[in-house]
């Protein structure tokens, strides 16, 4: 049996996040950025592998989002006290 799935999440810094999580992809996974979306495809013949891969991926997305969308990464820090500039 072949199991396939797609995870599509929306992010302001999709290129950064896709690049960050793609580094941990297993051979049966592909991750791309398309507009504001990060799209990951998982394909395997083992249910447990898909579940474990999805679990790891979702934790990686959380960390990547925190890093890629941080004020230091987006360049929205200014002033001596590190005040974040509003958009």
Protein backbone atom coordinates (compact mmCIF):
# COMPACT_ATOMS: atom_id res chain seq x y z
CA UNK A 1 0.00 0.00 0.00
CA UNK A 2 1.27 3.48 -0.89
CA UNK A 3 0.42 6.35 1.46
CA UNK A 4 0.62 9.92 0.17
CA UNK A 5 -0.10 13.19 1.90
CA UNK A 6 0.33 16.92 1.43
CA UNK A 7 0.80 19.48 4.19
CA UNK A 8 0.21 23.08 3.10
CA UNK A 9 0.80 25.92 5.56
CA UNK A 10 0.69 29.69 5.12
CA UNK A 11 3.64 31.89 6.22
CA UNK A 12 4.87 35.42 5.62
CA UNK A 13 8.43 34.08 5.19
CA UNK A 14 7.63 30.94 3.21
CA UNK A 15 10.96 30.74 1.33
CA UNK A 16 12.95 30.85 4.58
CA UNK A 17 10.71 28.31 6.28
CA UNK A 18 10.70 25.90 3.33
CA UNK A 19 14.49 26.06 3.14
CA UNK A 20 14.80 25.43 6.85
CA UNK A 21 12.53 22.40 7.03
CA UNK A 22 13.65 20.87 3.71
CA UNK A 23 17.07 20.24 5.22
CA UNK A 24 15.50 17.57 7.47
CA UNK A 25 13.36 15.91 4.78
CA UNK A 26 13.64 12.18 4.39
CA UNK A 27 13.98 10.65 0.93
CA UNK A 28 10.19 10.26 0.61
CA UNK A 29 9.54 13.96 1.32
CA UNK A 30 9.71 17.11 -0.82
CA UNK A 31 9.21 20.67 0.40
CA UNK A 32 8.70 23.79 -1.71
CA UNK A 33 7.57 27.37 -1.25
CA UNK A 34 4.82 28.75 -3.48
CA UNK A 35 3.78 32.30 -2.74
CA UNK A 36 2.98 32.48 0.95
CA UNK A 37 2.66 28.71 1.24
CA UNK A 38 5.04 25.95 2.27
CA UNK A 39 4.00 22.68 0.63
CA UNK A 40 5.39 19.34 1.71
CA UNK A 41 4.57 16.02 0.08
CA UNK A 42 5.12 12.75 1.92
CA UNK A 43 4.96 9.36 0.27
CA UNK A 44 5.73 6.00 1.88
CA UNK A 45 4.54 2.43 2.10
CA UNK A 46 4.72 2.41 5.89
CA UNK A 47 2.01 4.08 7.97
CA UNK A 48 4.29 4.55 10.98
CA UNK A 49 6.91 6.27 8.83
CA UNK A 50 4.35 8.75 7.51
CA UNK A 51 3.03 9.50 10.99
CA UNK A 52 6.54 9.92 12.46
CA UNK A 53 7.62 12.09 9.50
CA UNK A 54 4.55 14.32 9.84
CA UNK A 55 5.09 14.69 13.58
CA UNK A 56 8.76 15.67 13.11
CA UNK A 57 7.87 17.99 10.25
CA UNK A 58 5.22 19.86 12.23
CA UNK A 59 7.65 20.44 15.11
CA UNK A 60 10.28 21.66 12.59
CA UNK A 61 7.74 24.07 11.05
CA UNK A 62 7.09 25.61 14.46
CA UNK A 63 10.80 26.19 15.10
CA UNK A 64 11.46 27.44 11.55
CA UNK A 65 8.55 29.88 11.80
CA UNK A 66 9.87 31.29 15.08
CA UNK A 67 13.33 31.78 13.56
CA UNK A 68 12.33 33.00 10.09
CA UNK A 69 9.66 35.39 11.30
CA UNK A 70 11.66 36.76 14.23
CA UNK A 71 12.39 40.50 14.26
CA UNK A 72 16.11 39.82 13.78
CA UNK A 73 15.44 37.80 10.62
CA UNK A 74 12.89 40.17 9.11
CA UNK A 75 14.94 43.29 9.86
CA UNK A 76 12.20 45.00 11.86
CA UNK A 77 14.36 45.86 14.89
CA UNK A 78 15.58 49.41 15.35
CA UNK A 79 16.83 51.74 18.02
CA UNK A 80 19.12 51.13 20.93
CA UNK A 81 16.50 49.25 22.91
CA UNK A 82 15.57 46.83 20.13
CA UNK A 83 12.16 48.35 19.49
CA UNK A 84 10.29 46.48 16.80
CA UNK A 85 9.03 48.69 13.97
CA UNK A 86 5.35 48.15 13.14
CA UNK A 87 4.38 47.47 9.52
